[in-house]
Amino acid sequence: MTLRIAHLAACIFAACAMPAAPLAAAQQGAGTPRAAPSGCPAPTETLYKPSLPTPGFVPRPPVGATIVEPRRLLGAMPGYPSASTRCREQGKVTITYCVTAEGEVENVQVIISSGFARLDNAILAWAARDRHTAGTVNGRPRLYCGMHEEHEFEIELEVDGGPAL
């Protein structure tokens, strides 16, 4: 058991130690992301990427019913967290959610993480405020689940290699 713990500790230490070559390569030239400042979290690796759920009304509408799917009302996209900009965190987040008969978003879940909790939480907070038209079955508003949104958080770099503000 002691050997296994020592091996695990060695693996964790080896994974955390960043070789100098990638760091130097990341700092070269304009337009390439620079290394994150100290104190910033490392990205987490996504080991499992599930498929998106099939969208539809809950419960399923009868055959031949006239259906209108909910639509997202135009509004602002999620803001980039300032701490994520400072730490140069980037990534794509995919969420799934339901739209109530009132057009409100509920049951929001991250399906594919960006690897950074701040970015994932930013899109969850945005989705909680987002609005849609209600989906209808035969003219009556109904719950519609399985909607999804994919958002890429990407830091735009200026010519000097610093983040654009």
N, C-alpha and C. Protein backbone atom coordinates (compact mmCIF):
# COMPACT_ATOMS: atom_id res chain seq x y z
N MET A 1 0.83 -1.19 0.00
CA MET A 1 0.00 0.00 0.00
C MET A 1 0.87 1.25 0.00
N THR A 2 1.97 1.24 0.75
CA THR A 2 2.87 2.39 0.79
C THR A 2 3.47 2.64 -0.59
N LEU A 3 3.81 1.58 -1.31
CA LEU A 3 4.37 1.71 -2.64
C LEU A 3 3.36 2.38 -3.58
N ARG A 4 2.10 1.98 -3.49
CA ARG A 4 1.05 2.54 -4.34
C ARG A 4 0.86 4.03 -4.05
N ILE A 5 0.87 4.43 -2.79
CA ILE A 5 0.72 5.84 -2.42
C ILE A 5 1.92 6.64 -2.92
N ALA A 6 3.11 6.08 -2.76
CA ALA A 6 4.32 6.77 -3.24
C ALA A 6 4.27 6.94 -4.75
N HIS A 7 3.81 5.90 -5.47
CA HIS A 7 3.70 5.99 -6.93
C HIS A 7 2.68 7.04 -7.33
N LEU A 8 1.54 7.08 -6.65
CA LEU A 8 0.50 8.07 -6.93
C LEU A 8 1.03 9.47 -6.68
N ALA A 9 1.76 9.65 -5.58
CA ALA A 9 2.32 10.97 -5.27
C ALA A 9 3.33 11.37 -6.34
N ALA A 10 4.13 10.44 -6.81
CA ALA A 10 5.11 10.75 -7.86
C ALA A 10 4.40 11.15 -9.15
N CYS A 11 3.30 10.45 -9.49
CA CYS A 11 2.55 10.78 -10.70
C CYS A 11 1.91 12.15 -10.59
N ILE A 12 1.36 12.47 -9.46
CA ILE A 12 0.73 13.77 -9.27
C ILE A 12 1.78 14.86 -9.36
N PHE A 13 2.93 14.65 -8.72
CA PHE A 13 3.99 15.66 -8.76
C PHE A 13 4.48 15.85 -10.19
N ALA A 14 4.66 14.76 -10.92
CA ALA A 14 5.16 14.84 -12.29
C ALA A 14 4.16 15.57 -13.18
N ALA A 15 2.86 15.35 -12.98
CA ALA A 15 1.85 16.01 -13.80
C ALA A 15 1.76 17.50 -13.49
N CYS A 16 2.06 17.88 -12.24
CA CYS A 16 1.96 19.28 -11.86
C CYS A 16 3.18 20.08 -12.27
N ALA A 17 4.30 19.42 -12.41
CA ALA A 17 5.51 20.15 -12.78
C ALA A 17 5.45 20.49 -14.25
N MET A 18 5.48 21.79 -14.58
CA MET A 18 5.42 22.23 -15.97
C MET A 18 6.84 22.33 -16.50
N PRO A 19 7.14 21.66 -17.62
CA PRO A 19 8.46 21.82 -18.21
C PRO A 19 8.62 23.25 -18.71
N ALA A 20 9.87 23.73 -18.71
CA ALA A 20 10.13 25.11 -19.11
C ALA A 20 9.92 25.33 -20.59
N ALA A 21 10.09 24.32 -21.44
CA ALA A 21 9.98 24.49 -22.89
C ALA A 21 8.59 24.95 -23.33
N PRO A 22 7.47 24.30 -22.90
CA PRO A 22 6.16 24.78 -23.33
C PRO A 22 5.88 26.19 -22.83
N LEU A 23 6.34 26.52 -21.63
CA LEU A 23 6.11 27.84 -21.08
C LEU A 23 6.83 28.88 -21.93
N ALA A 24 8.07 28.62 -22.30
CA ALA A 24 8.83 29.55 -23.13
C ALA A 24 8.20 29.67 -24.51
N ALA A 25 7.72 28.55 -25.06
CA ALA A 25 7.08 28.58 -26.39
C ALA A 25 5.79 29.38 -26.34
N ALA A 26 5.06 29.28 -25.26
CA ALA A 26 3.80 30.02 -25.13
C ALA A 26 4.05 31.51 -25.00
N GLN A 27 5.22 31.89 -24.47
CA GLN A 27 5.50 33.30 -24.28
C GLN A 27 6.12 33.95 -25.52
N GLN A 28 6.49 33.15 -26.52
CA GLN A 28 7.11 33.70 -27.72
C GLN A 28 6.06 34.28 -28.64
N GLY A 29 6.41 35.38 -29.28
CA GLY A 29 5.61 35.92 -30.37
C GLY A 29 4.28 36.48 -29.96
N ALA A 30 3.81 37.44 -30.75
CA ALA A 30 2.50 38.06 -30.51
C ALA A 30 1.43 37.12 -31.04
N GLY A 31 0.28 37.21 -30.41
CA GLY A 31 -0.86 36.43 -30.88
C GLY A 31 -0.97 35.06 -30.25
N THR A 32 0.03 34.62 -29.50
CA THR A 32 -0.06 33.35 -28.81
C THR A 32 -0.30 33.61 -27.34
N PRO A 33 -1.13 32.80 -26.69
CA PRO A 33 -1.44 33.03 -25.29
C PRO A 33 -0.20 32.92 -24.42
N ARG A 34 -0.07 33.81 -23.47
CA ARG A 34 1.04 33.74 -22.52
C ARG A 34 0.63 32.86 -21.36
N ALA A 35 1.60 32.45 -20.57
CA ALA A 35 1.33 31.61 -19.41
C ALA A 35 0.48 32.37 -18.41
N ALA A 36 -0.37 31.65 -17.70
CA ALA A 36 -1.22 32.27 -16.70
C ALA A 36 -0.38 32.72 -15.51
N PRO A 37 -0.77 33.82 -14.87
CA PRO A 37 -0.04 34.28 -13.69
C PRO A 37 -0.11 33.24 -12.58
N SER A 38 0.84 33.32 -11.64
CA SER A 38 0.82 32.37 -10.54
C SER A 38 -0.45 32.57 -9.71
N GLY A 39 -0.90 31.51 -9.11
CA GLY A 39 -2.11 31.56 -8.30
C GLY A 39 -3.37 31.24 -9.10
N CYS A 40 -3.23 31.00 -10.40
CA CYS A 40 -4.38 30.66 -11.24
C CYS A 40 -4.49 29.15 -11.34
N PRO A 41 -5.72 28.62 -11.34
CA PRO A 41 -5.87 27.17 -11.40
C PRO A 41 -5.53 26.62 -12.78
N ALA A 42 -5.05 25.39 -12.78
CA ALA A 42 -4.80 24.69 -14.04
C ALA A 42 -6.12 24.15 -14.56
N PRO A 43 -6.25 23.99 -15.87
CA PRO A 43 -7.51 23.44 -16.39
C PRO A 43 -7.68 21.99 -15.97
N THR A 44 -8.92 21.59 -15.78
CA THR A 44 -9.21 20.19 -15.49
C THR A 44 -9.46 19.48 -16.81
N GLU A 45 -9.10 18.24 -16.86
CA GLU A 45 -9.28 17.46 -18.08
C GLU A 45 -10.65 16.82 -18.07
N THR A 46 -11.35 16.91 -19.19
CA THR A 46 -12.65 16.27 -19.33
C THR A 46 -12.42 14.86 -19.85
N LEU A 47 -12.76 13.87 -19.05
CA LEU A 47 -12.52 12.49 -19.43
C LEU A 47 -13.71 11.88 -20.14
N TYR A 48 -14.91 12.43 -19.90
CA TYR A 48 -16.13 11.86 -20.48
C TYR A 48 -16.93 12.98 -21.11
N LYS A 49 -17.26 12.83 -22.37
CA LYS A 49 -18.08 13.81 -23.07
C LYS A 49 -19.37 13.13 -23.51
N PRO A 50 -20.44 13.32 -22.74
CA PRO A 50 -21.69 12.66 -23.08
C PRO A 50 -22.34 13.29 -24.31
N SER A 51 -23.24 12.55 -24.92
CA SER A 51 -23.98 13.11 -26.05
C SER A 51 -25.08 14.03 -25.50
N LEU A 52 -25.49 14.98 -26.31
CA LEU A 52 -26.53 15.91 -25.89
C LEU A 52 -27.88 15.19 -25.86
N PRO A 53 -28.74 15.55 -24.90
CA PRO A 53 -30.06 14.92 -24.85
C PRO A 53 -30.90 15.34 -26.05
N THR A 54 -31.84 14.51 -26.42
CA THR A 54 -32.75 14.82 -27.51
C THR A 54 -33.79 15.82 -27.01
N PRO A 55 -33.91 16.97 -27.68
CA PRO A 55 -34.88 17.96 -27.23
C PRO A 55 -36.31 17.50 -27.50
N GLY A 56 -37.21 17.96 -26.64
CA GLY A 56 -38.62 17.63 -26.84
C GLY A 56 -39.49 18.10 -25.69
N PHE A 57 -40.79 18.03 -25.93
CA PHE A 57 -41.76 18.43 -24.92
C PHE A 57 -41.89 17.35 -23.87
N VAL A 58 -42.21 17.78 -22.65
CA VAL A 58 -42.43 16.86 -21.53
C VAL A 58 -43.83 17.12 -20.99
N PRO A 59 -44.73 16.16 -21.02
CA PRO A 59 -44.64 14.86 -21.69
C PRO A 59 -44.70 15.02 -23.21
N ARG A 60 -44.36 13.96 -23.90
CA ARG A 60 -44.33 13.96 -25.37
C ARG A 60 -45.72 14.31 -25.92
N PRO A 61 -45.79 15.18 -26.93
CA PRO A 61 -47.09 15.56 -27.49
C PRO A 61 -47.71 14.41 -28.29
N PRO A 62 -49.02 14.43 -28.44
CA PRO A 62 -49.68 13.37 -29.22
C PRO A 62 -49.28 13.47 -30.70
N VAL A 63 -49.38 12.37 -31.39
CA VAL A 63 -49.06 12.33 -32.82
C VAL A 63 -50.03 13.26 -33.56
N GLY A 64 -49.48 14.07 -34.46
CA GLY A 64 -50.31 14.98 -35.25
C GLY A 64 -50.56 16.33 -34.60
N ALA A 65 -50.03 16.54 -33.40
CA ALA A 65 -50.23 17.81 -32.71
C ALA A 65 -49.44 18.91 -33.41
N THR A 66 -49.95 20.13 -33.33
CA THR A 66 -49.23 21.28 -33.87
C THR A 66 -48.28 21.77 -32.79
N ILE A 67 -46.98 21.72 -33.09
CA ILE A 67 -46.00 22.12 -32.09
C ILE A 67 -45.17 23.30 -32.59
N VAL A 68 -44.79 24.15 -31.64
CA VAL A 68 -43.89 25.26 -31.90
C VAL A 68 -42.81 25.18 -30.83
N GLU A 69 -41.57 24.99 -31.26
CA GLU A 69 -40.47 24.88 -30.31
C GLU A 69 -40.13 26.24 -29.72
N PRO A 70 -39.62 26.27 -28.49
CA PRO A 70 -39.22 27.55 -27.89
C PRO A 70 -38.04 28.14 -28.65
N ARG A 71 -37.95 29.47 -28.62
CA ARG A 71 -36.82 30.16 -29.25
C ARG A 71 -36.22 31.11 -28.23
N ARG A 72 -34.91 31.22 -28.31
CA ARG A 72 -34.19 32.12 -27.42
C ARG A 72 -34.44 33.55 -27.87
N LEU A 73 -34.82 34.40 -26.91
CA LEU A 73 -34.98 35.82 -27.20
C LEU A 73 -33.58 36.43 -27.26
N LEU A 74 -33.38 37.32 -28.19
CA LEU A 74 -32.05 37.91 -28.34
C LEU A 74 -31.69 38.71 -27.10
N GLY A 75 -30.49 38.54 -26.69
CA GLY A 75 -29.99 39.24 -25.51
C GLY A 75 -28.48 39.13 -25.47
N ALA A 76 -27.92 39.64 -24.41
CA ALA A 76 -26.46 39.63 -24.26
C ALA A 76 -25.97 38.20 -24.04
N MET A 77 -24.80 37.94 -24.56
CA MET A 77 -24.15 36.65 -24.33
C MET A 77 -23.43 36.72 -22.98
N PRO A 78 -22.99 35.56 -22.46
CA PRO A 78 -22.33 35.57 -21.14
C PRO A 78 -21.09 36.45 -21.14
N GLY A 79 -20.89 37.13 -20.02
CA GLY A 79 -19.70 37.96 -19.87
C GLY A 79 -18.50 37.11 -19.52
N TYR A 80 -17.32 37.61 -19.86
CA TYR A 80 -16.08 36.92 -19.55
C TYR A 80 -15.68 37.30 -18.12
N PRO A 81 -15.58 36.35 -17.21
CA PRO A 81 -15.18 36.68 -15.84
C PRO A 81 -13.82 37.36 -15.82
N SER A 82 -13.69 38.45 -15.08
CA SER A 82 -12.44 39.21 -15.06
C SER A 82 -11.27 38.36 -14.54
N ALA A 83 -11.53 37.51 -13.55
CA ALA A 83 -10.46 36.65 -13.04
C ALA A 83 -10.02 35.65 -14.11
N SER A 84 -10.95 35.21 -14.95
CA SER A 84 -10.60 34.29 -16.03
C SER A 84 -9.76 34.99 -17.09
N THR A 85 -10.04 36.27 -17.33
CA THR A 85 -9.23 37.04 -18.27
C THR A 85 -7.81 37.18 -17.73
N ARG A 86 -7.71 37.53 -16.45
CA ARG A 86 -6.40 37.69 -15.82
C ARG A 86 -5.62 36.39 -15.86
N CYS A 87 -6.30 35.27 -15.64
CA CYS A 87 -5.62 33.97 -15.62
C CYS A 87 -5.53 33.34 -17.01
N ARG A 88 -6.03 34.04 -18.01
CA ARG A 88 -6.00 33.58 -19.40
C ARG A 88 -6.69 32.24 -19.58
N GLU A 89 -7.83 32.08 -18.92
CA GLU A 89 -8.61 30.85 -19.04
C GLU A 89 -9.47 30.94 -20.30
N GLN A 90 -9.44 29.88 -21.09
CA GLN A 90 -10.23 29.80 -22.31
C GLN A 90 -10.85 28.42 -22.40
N GLY A 91 -11.97 28.31 -23.10
CA GLY A 91 -12.57 27.01 -23.30
C GLY A 91 -13.98 27.10 -23.81
N LYS A 92 -14.49 25.96 -24.23
CA LYS A 92 -15.84 25.86 -24.75
C LYS A 92 -16.71 25.12 -23.73
N VAL A 93 -17.88 25.69 -23.43
CA VAL A 93 -18.81 25.10 -22.47
C VAL A 93 -20.10 24.75 -23.21
N THR A 94 -20.61 23.56 -22.97
CA THR A 94 -21.90 23.16 -23.54
C THR A 94 -22.84 22.87 -22.38
N ILE A 95 -24.02 23.51 -22.43
CA ILE A 95 -25.02 23.30 -21.39
C ILE A 95 -26.30 22.75 -22.02
N THR A 96 -27.11 22.12 -21.20
CA THR A 96 -28.44 21.70 -21.59
C THR A 96 -29.41 22.26 -20.56
N TYR A 97 -30.64 22.51 -20.98
CA TYR A 97 -31.61 23.11 -20.07
C TYR A 97 -33.03 22.87 -20.55
N CYS A 98 -33.98 23.21 -19.69
CA CYS A 98 -35.41 23.15 -20.02
C CYS A 98 -35.96 24.57 -20.09
N VAL A 99 -37.00 24.76 -20.90
CA VAL A 99 -37.70 26.04 -20.98
C VAL A 99 -39.12 25.78 -20.47
N THR A 100 -39.52 26.53 -19.45
CA THR A 100 -40.83 26.35 -18.86
C THR A 100 -41.93 26.91 -19.77
N ALA A 101 -43.16 26.67 -19.41
CA ALA A 101 -44.30 27.19 -20.15
C ALA A 101 -44.34 28.72 -20.10
N GLU A 102 -43.63 29.31 -19.14
CA GLU A 102 -43.55 30.77 -19.03
C GLU A 102 -42.34 31.34 -19.77
N GLY A 103 -41.50 30.48 -20.38
CA GLY A 103 -40.33 30.94 -21.12
C GLY A 103 -39.09 31.09 -20.27
N GLU A 104 -39.15 30.65 -19.02
CA GLU A 104 -37.98 30.74 -18.14
C GLU A 104 -37.11 29.50 -18.30
N VAL A 105 -35.83 29.67 -18.05
CA VAL A 105 -34.88 28.57 -18.15
C VAL A 105 -34.75 27.90 -16.79
N GLU A 106 -34.76 26.58 -16.78
CA GLU A 106 -34.57 25.83 -15.54
C GLU A 106 -33.79 24.56 -15.82
N ASN A 107 -33.34 23.93 -14.76
CA ASN A 107 -32.61 22.68 -14.84
C ASN A 107 -31.39 22.78 -15.77
N VAL A 108 -30.60 23.82 -15.57
CA VAL A 108 -29.41 24.04 -16.40
C VAL A 108 -28.29 23.14 -15.91
N GLN A 109 -27.64 22.44 -16.84
CA GLN A 109 -26.55 21.54 -16.49
C GLN A 109 -25.42 21.69 -17.50
N VAL A 110 -24.20 21.64 -17.00
CA VAL A 110 -23.04 21.64 -17.89
C VAL A 110 -22.89 20.21 -18.41
N ILE A 111 -22.90 20.08 -19.73
CA ILE A 111 -22.72 18.77 -20.35
C ILE A 111 -21.24 18.56 -20.68
N ILE A 112 -20.60 19.58 -21.25
CA ILE A 112 -19.18 19.52 -21.55
C ILE A 112 -18.54 20.76 -20.94
N SER A 113 -17.60 20.55 -20.03
CA SER A 113 -16.96 21.63 -19.30
C SER A 113 -15.85 22.28 -20.13
N SER A 114 -15.59 23.54 -19.81
CA SER A 114 -14.47 24.26 -20.41
C SER A 114 -13.15 23.83 -19.77
N GLY A 115 -13.24 23.22 -18.61
CA GLY A 115 -12.05 22.88 -17.84
C GLY A 115 -11.77 23.89 -16.75
N PHE A 116 -12.56 24.98 -16.73
CA PHE A 116 -12.38 26.03 -15.72
C PHE A 116 -13.72 26.32 -15.07
N ALA A 117 -13.77 26.20 -13.74
CA ALA A 117 -15.02 26.39 -13.00
C ALA A 117 -15.60 27.79 -13.21
N ARG A 118 -14.74 28.82 -13.27
CA ARG A 118 -15.26 30.18 -13.44
C ARG A 118 -16.01 30.34 -14.76
N LEU A 119 -15.48 29.77 -15.83
CA LEU A 119 -16.15 29.87 -17.13
C LEU A 119 -17.45 29.07 -17.14
N ASP A 120 -17.42 27.88 -16.56
CA ASP A 120 -18.64 27.07 -16.47
C ASP A 120 -19.71 27.80 -15.65
N ASN A 121 -19.31 28.38 -14.53
CA ASN A 121 -20.26 29.09 -13.68
C ASN A 121 -20.80 30.35 -14.35
N ALA A 122 -19.98 31.00 -15.18
CA ALA A 122 -20.44 32.21 -15.89
C ALA A 122 -21.57 31.87 -16.84
N ILE A 123 -21.48 30.76 -17.54
CA ILE A 123 -22.55 30.41 -18.47
C ILE A 123 -23.78 29.90 -17.72
N LEU A 124 -23.58 29.25 -16.57
CA LEU A 124 -24.73 28.82 -15.76
C LEU A 124 -25.49 30.04 -15.23
N ALA A 125 -24.77 31.05 -14.76
CA ALA A 125 -25.41 32.27 -14.25
C ALA A 125 -26.13 33.00 -15.38
N TRP A 126 -25.51 33.06 -16.56
CA TRP A 126 -26.13 33.70 -17.71
C TRP A 126 -27.42 32.97 -18.09
N ALA A 127 -27.36 31.64 -18.15
CA ALA A 127 -28.54 30.85 -18.55
C ALA A 127 -29.70 31.04 -17.58
N ALA A 128 -29.40 31.20 -16.30
CA ALA A 128 -30.45 31.39 -15.31
C ALA A 128 -31.22 32.70 -15.55
N ARG A 129 -30.58 33.69 -16.18
CA ARG A 129 -31.22 34.97 -16.48
C ARG A 129 -31.83 35.02 -17.88
N ASP A 130 -31.49 34.06 -18.73
CA ASP A 130 -31.92 34.07 -20.12
C ASP A 130 -33.42 33.81 -20.25
N ARG A 131 -34.01 34.30 -21.32
CA ARG A 131 -35.45 34.11 -21.57
C ARG A 131 -35.67 33.53 -22.97
N HIS A 132 -36.76 32.81 -23.10
CA HIS A 132 -37.17 32.20 -24.37
C HIS A 132 -38.65 32.44 -24.59
N THR A 133 -39.08 32.27 -25.83
CA THR A 133 -40.52 32.18 -26.06
C THR A 133 -40.92 30.79 -25.58
N ALA A 134 -42.12 30.63 -25.12
CA ALA A 134 -42.56 29.32 -24.65
C ALA A 134 -42.84 28.42 -25.84
N GLY A 135 -42.51 27.14 -25.69
CA GLY A 135 -42.89 26.16 -26.70
C GLY A 135 -44.35 25.82 -26.51
N THR A 136 -45.04 25.54 -27.60
CA THR A 136 -46.47 25.24 -27.50
C THR A 136 -46.82 23.93 -28.19
N VAL A 137 -47.84 23.29 -27.66
CA VAL A 137 -48.44 22.10 -28.27
C VAL A 137 -49.91 22.44 -28.44
N ASN A 138 -50.35 22.46 -29.70
CA ASN A 138 -51.73 22.84 -30.02
C ASN A 138 -52.10 24.19 -29.41
N GLY A 139 -51.15 25.13 -29.46
CA GLY A 139 -51.39 26.48 -28.98
C GLY A 139 -51.26 26.68 -27.48
N ARG A 140 -50.98 25.64 -26.73
CA ARG A 140 -50.84 25.75 -25.27
C ARG A 140 -49.38 25.63 -24.87
N PRO A 141 -48.89 26.57 -24.04
CA PRO A 141 -47.48 26.51 -23.61
C PRO A 141 -47.19 25.26 -22.81
N ARG A 142 -46.01 24.66 -23.06
CA ARG A 142 -45.62 23.44 -22.36
C ARG A 142 -44.13 23.46 -22.06
N LEU A 143 -43.74 22.65 -21.09
CA LEU A 143 -42.33 22.46 -20.73
C LEU A 143 -41.60 21.77 -21.89
N TYR A 144 -40.42 22.30 -22.22
CA TYR A 144 -39.60 21.75 -23.31
C TYR A 144 -38.20 21.56 -22.76
N CYS A 145 -37.70 20.35 -22.80
CA CYS A 145 -36.37 20.06 -22.25
C CYS A 145 -35.43 19.58 -23.35
N GLY A 146 -34.15 19.63 -23.02
CA GLY A 146 -33.13 19.16 -23.95
C GLY A 146 -32.57 20.25 -24.84
N MET A 147 -32.94 21.50 -24.59
CA MET A 147 -32.33 22.60 -25.35
C MET A 147 -30.86 22.64 -24.96
N HIS A 148 -30.01 23.12 -25.85
CA HIS A 148 -28.61 23.22 -25.50
C HIS A 148 -28.00 24.47 -26.12
N GLU A 149 -26.93 24.90 -25.49
CA GLU A 149 -26.18 26.09 -25.92
C GLU A 149 -24.70 25.77 -25.76
N GLU A 150 -23.94 26.16 -26.76
CA GLU A 150 -22.49 26.00 -26.70
C GLU A 150 -21.89 27.40 -26.79
N HIS A 151 -20.99 27.68 -25.88
CA HIS A 151 -20.35 29.01 -25.89
C HIS A 151 -18.85 28.84 -25.72
N GLU A 152 -18.10 29.52 -26.58
CA GLU A 152 -16.64 29.47 -26.49
C GLU A 152 -16.13 30.75 -25.87
N PHE A 153 -15.43 30.60 -24.76
CA PHE A 153 -14.76 31.72 -24.12
C PHE A 153 -13.35 31.76 -24.71
N GLU A 154 -13.03 32.84 -25.39
CA GLU A 154 -11.73 32.95 -26.03
C GLU A 154 -11.19 34.35 -25.82
N ILE A 155 -9.97 34.42 -25.34
CA ILE A 155 -9.34 35.72 -25.10
C ILE A 155 -8.76 36.21 -26.42
N GLU A 156 -9.17 37.40 -26.83
CA GLU A 156 -8.62 38.00 -28.05
C GLU A 156 -7.33 38.70 -27.67
N LEU A 157 -6.28 38.42 -28.40
CA LEU A 157 -4.98 38.99 -28.10
C LEU A 157 -4.70 40.16 -29.04
N GLU A 158 -4.08 41.19 -28.47
CA GLU A 158 -3.67 42.33 -29.28
C GLU A 158 -2.29 42.03 -29.86
N VAL A 159 -1.77 42.91 -30.66
CA VAL A 159 -0.49 42.72 -31.33
C VAL A 159 0.64 42.48 -30.35
N ASP A 160 0.64 43.13 -29.18
CA ASP A 160 1.72 42.94 -28.22
C ASP A 160 1.61 41.64 -27.43
N GLY A 161 0.54 40.85 -27.67
CA GLY A 161 0.37 39.58 -26.98
C GLY A 161 -0.43 39.68 -25.71
N GLY A 162 -0.82 40.89 -25.31
CA GLY A 162 -1.64 41.07 -24.12
C GLY A 162 -3.10 40.92 -24.44
N PRO A 163 -3.95 40.66 -23.44
CA PRO A 163 -5.37 40.50 -23.70
C PRO A 163 -5.99 41.83 -24.15
N ALA A 164 -6.90 41.72 -25.10
CA ALA A 164 -7.61 42.91 -25.57
C ALA A 164 -8.68 43.27 -24.53
N LEU A 165 -8.86 44.51 -24.27
CA LEU A 165 -9.85 44.94 -23.29
C LEU A 165 -11.04 45.54 -23.96
